[in-house]
Amino acid sequence: MRTYRTIMQEVQTIDHIYCDCCGREIQPEKEDFLHFAKEWGYLSHKDGDCHTWDICEACYDQWTSTFAKAK
């Protein structure tokens, strides 16, 4: 048999999202954006660091336009 109790728990929710490149507020209900996270491994000089970013579509397009193109 199981018995239950109710507890109050504090939960963090997202209030606002801002582009980490241009600083503009992103409205996820109206536009898409890139969210990514990187946890650096042992072979990195950043071993154990975890970085996360939110990038709006305009900044994503500008950023990826600087990538080397495959030949």
N, C-alpha and C. Protein backbone atom coordinates (compact mmCIF):
# COMPACT_ATOMS: atom_id res chain seq x y z
N MET A 1 0.84 -1.17 0.00
CA MET A 1 0.00 0.00 0.00
C MET A 1 0.89 1.24 0.00
N ARG A 2 0.43 2.26 -0.71
CA ARG A 2 1.14 3.53 -0.77
C ARG A 2 0.30 4.62 -0.14
N THR A 3 0.98 5.47 0.59
CA THR A 3 0.32 6.66 1.08
C THR A 3 1.05 7.86 0.48
N TYR A 4 0.37 8.95 0.31
CA TYR A 4 0.94 10.12 -0.35
C TYR A 4 0.79 11.35 0.52
N ARG A 5 1.69 12.28 0.30
CA ARG A 5 1.58 13.57 0.95
C ARG A 5 1.86 14.65 -0.10
N THR A 6 1.34 15.81 0.10
CA THR A 6 1.53 16.93 -0.82
C THR A 6 2.63 17.82 -0.28
N ILE A 7 3.58 18.16 -1.15
CA ILE A 7 4.67 19.05 -0.74
C ILE A 7 4.71 20.25 -1.68
N MET A 8 5.17 21.36 -1.19
CA MET A 8 5.38 22.55 -2.02
C MET A 8 6.82 22.52 -2.51
N GLN A 9 6.99 22.71 -3.80
CA GLN A 9 8.33 22.67 -4.37
C GLN A 9 8.54 23.87 -5.26
N GLU A 10 9.67 24.55 -5.09
CA GLU A 10 9.99 25.69 -5.92
C GLU A 10 10.54 25.19 -7.26
N VAL A 11 10.00 25.73 -8.35
CA VAL A 11 10.41 25.30 -9.68
C VAL A 11 10.80 26.53 -10.49
N GLN A 12 11.93 26.44 -11.20
CA GLN A 12 12.35 27.52 -12.08
C GLN A 12 11.68 27.36 -13.44
N THR A 13 11.10 28.45 -13.94
CA THR A 13 10.53 28.45 -15.28
C THR A 13 11.17 29.59 -16.07
N ILE A 14 11.16 29.44 -17.38
CA ILE A 14 11.74 30.47 -18.25
C ILE A 14 10.83 31.69 -18.25
N ASP A 15 11.40 32.84 -17.97
CA ASP A 15 10.64 34.08 -17.96
C ASP A 15 10.81 34.80 -19.30
N HIS A 16 12.04 34.96 -19.74
CA HIS A 16 12.36 35.60 -21.01
C HIS A 16 13.56 34.88 -21.62
N ILE A 17 13.65 34.93 -22.94
CA ILE A 17 14.80 34.39 -23.65
C ILE A 17 15.39 35.53 -24.48
N TYR A 18 16.68 35.72 -24.38
CA TYR A 18 17.37 36.76 -25.13
C TYR A 18 18.45 36.13 -25.99
N CYS A 19 18.64 36.67 -27.20
CA CYS A 19 19.68 36.19 -28.09
C CYS A 19 21.04 36.52 -27.47
N ASP A 20 21.91 35.53 -27.41
CA ASP A 20 23.24 35.74 -26.85
C ASP A 20 24.18 36.48 -27.79
N CYS A 21 23.74 36.73 -29.02
CA CYS A 21 24.57 37.52 -29.96
C CYS A 21 24.15 38.99 -29.96
N CYS A 22 22.89 39.25 -30.25
CA CYS A 22 22.44 40.65 -30.40
C CYS A 22 21.70 41.19 -29.19
N GLY A 23 21.28 40.32 -28.28
CA GLY A 23 20.60 40.76 -27.07
C GLY A 23 19.10 40.98 -27.21
N ARG A 24 18.57 40.77 -28.42
CA ARG A 24 17.14 40.98 -28.65
C ARG A 24 16.34 39.88 -27.95
N GLU A 25 15.16 40.26 -27.42
CA GLU A 25 14.31 39.26 -26.79
C GLU A 25 13.71 38.35 -27.86
N ILE A 26 13.79 37.06 -27.62
CA ILE A 26 13.23 36.05 -28.52
C ILE A 26 11.86 35.66 -27.98
N GLN A 27 10.87 35.62 -28.85
CA GLN A 27 9.52 35.21 -28.47
C GLN A 27 9.24 33.84 -29.07
N PRO A 28 9.50 32.77 -28.32
CA PRO A 28 9.41 31.42 -28.87
C PRO A 28 8.04 31.03 -29.41
N GLU A 29 7.00 31.72 -28.96
CA GLU A 29 5.66 31.40 -29.49
C GLU A 29 5.43 32.03 -30.86
N LYS A 30 6.33 32.95 -31.27
CA LYS A 30 6.18 33.64 -32.55
C LYS A 30 7.33 33.39 -33.52
N GLU A 31 8.45 32.86 -33.04
CA GLU A 31 9.63 32.68 -33.89
C GLU A 31 10.46 31.50 -33.40
N ASP A 32 11.24 30.97 -34.32
CA ASP A 32 12.12 29.86 -33.96
C ASP A 32 13.51 30.41 -33.65
N PHE A 33 14.31 29.64 -32.94
CA PHE A 33 15.65 30.06 -32.57
C PHE A 33 16.49 28.81 -32.31
N LEU A 34 17.78 29.00 -32.22
CA LEU A 34 18.70 27.90 -31.95
C LEU A 34 19.07 27.92 -30.47
N HIS A 35 18.90 26.81 -29.79
CA HIS A 35 19.37 26.64 -28.42
C HIS A 35 20.35 25.48 -28.44
N PHE A 36 21.54 25.71 -27.95
CA PHE A 36 22.46 24.58 -27.87
C PHE A 36 23.32 24.67 -26.62
N ALA A 37 23.80 23.49 -26.21
CA ALA A 37 24.62 23.38 -25.01
C ALA A 37 25.83 22.52 -25.33
N LYS A 38 26.95 22.86 -24.74
CA LYS A 38 28.18 22.09 -24.93
C LYS A 38 28.83 21.86 -23.58
N GLU A 39 29.02 20.61 -23.22
CA GLU A 39 29.78 20.26 -22.04
C GLU A 39 31.14 19.77 -22.52
N TRP A 40 32.17 20.50 -22.14
CA TRP A 40 33.52 20.21 -22.63
C TRP A 40 34.10 19.00 -21.91
N GLY A 41 34.83 18.19 -22.68
CA GLY A 41 35.39 16.95 -22.16
C GLY A 41 36.84 17.05 -21.74
N TYR A 42 37.39 15.92 -21.39
CA TYR A 42 38.72 15.80 -20.82
C TYR A 42 39.82 16.35 -21.73
N LEU A 43 39.68 16.18 -23.02
CA LEU A 43 40.75 16.59 -23.94
C LEU A 43 40.72 18.09 -24.26
N SER A 44 39.84 18.81 -23.64
CA SER A 44 39.71 20.24 -23.88
C SER A 44 40.37 21.03 -22.75
N HIS A 45 40.75 22.26 -23.06
CA HIS A 45 41.24 23.16 -22.02
C HIS A 45 40.08 23.69 -21.18
N LYS A 46 38.88 23.37 -21.58
CA LYS A 46 37.67 23.80 -20.85
C LYS A 46 37.01 22.62 -20.13
N ASP A 47 37.79 21.61 -19.82
CA ASP A 47 37.30 20.36 -19.23
C ASP A 47 36.32 20.63 -18.09
N GLY A 48 35.11 20.09 -18.24
CA GLY A 48 34.09 20.21 -17.20
C GLY A 48 33.20 21.43 -17.34
N ASP A 49 33.60 22.41 -18.16
CA ASP A 49 32.77 23.60 -18.36
C ASP A 49 31.55 23.24 -19.21
N CYS A 50 30.44 23.88 -18.91
CA CYS A 50 29.23 23.70 -19.71
C CYS A 50 28.75 25.07 -20.16
N HIS A 51 28.60 25.25 -21.45
CA HIS A 51 28.15 26.50 -22.03
C HIS A 51 26.82 26.27 -22.74
N THR A 52 25.90 27.23 -22.60
CA THR A 52 24.62 27.17 -23.32
C THR A 52 24.37 28.51 -23.98
N TRP A 53 23.72 28.47 -25.14
CA TRP A 53 23.43 29.68 -25.90
C TRP A 53 22.05 29.59 -26.51
N ASP A 54 21.43 30.75 -26.68
CA ASP A 54 20.20 30.91 -27.45
C ASP A 54 20.51 31.95 -28.52
N ILE A 55 20.27 31.59 -29.78
CA ILE A 55 20.63 32.45 -30.91
C ILE A 55 19.38 32.66 -31.77
N CYS A 56 19.03 33.94 -32.04
CA CYS A 56 17.89 34.22 -32.91
C CYS A 56 18.23 33.81 -34.35
N GLU A 57 17.22 33.69 -35.19
CA GLU A 57 17.43 33.21 -36.55
C GLU A 57 18.28 34.17 -37.37
N ALA A 58 18.10 35.47 -37.18
CA ALA A 58 18.91 36.44 -37.93
C ALA A 58 20.39 36.31 -37.58
N CYS A 59 20.70 36.18 -36.31
CA CYS A 59 22.10 36.02 -35.89
C CYS A 59 22.65 34.67 -36.34
N TYR A 60 21.81 33.64 -36.32
CA TYR A 60 22.22 32.33 -36.82
C TYR A 60 22.62 32.42 -38.28
N ASP A 61 21.78 33.08 -39.10
CA ASP A 61 22.08 33.23 -40.52
C ASP A 61 23.37 34.00 -40.73
N GLN A 62 23.56 35.07 -39.98
CA GLN A 62 24.77 35.87 -40.10
C GLN A 62 25.99 35.05 -39.67
N TRP A 63 25.87 34.32 -38.57
CA TRP A 63 26.97 33.51 -38.05
C TRP A 63 27.35 32.40 -39.02
N THR A 64 26.36 31.64 -39.52
CA THR A 64 26.67 30.51 -40.39
C THR A 64 27.18 30.97 -41.76
N SER A 65 26.91 32.21 -42.15
CA SER A 65 27.43 32.71 -43.42
C SER A 65 28.95 32.86 -43.37
N THR A 66 29.54 32.84 -42.16
CA THR A 66 31.00 32.95 -42.01
C THR A 66 31.69 31.60 -42.04
N PHE A 67 30.92 30.51 -42.05
CA PHE A 67 31.49 29.17 -42.04
C PHE A 67 32.17 28.89 -43.38
N ALA A 68 33.22 28.08 -43.33
CA ALA A 68 33.88 27.62 -44.54
C ALA A 68 32.91 26.76 -45.33
N LYS A 69 32.90 26.93 -46.63
CA LYS A 69 31.99 26.17 -47.48
C LYS A 69 32.69 24.89 -47.95
N ALA A 70 31.96 23.79 -48.00
CA ALA A 70 32.51 22.53 -48.52
C ALA A 70 32.75 22.68 -50.02
N LYS A 71 33.84 22.10 -50.47
CA LYS A 71 34.16 22.19 -51.91
C LYS A 71 33.72 20.96 -52.64
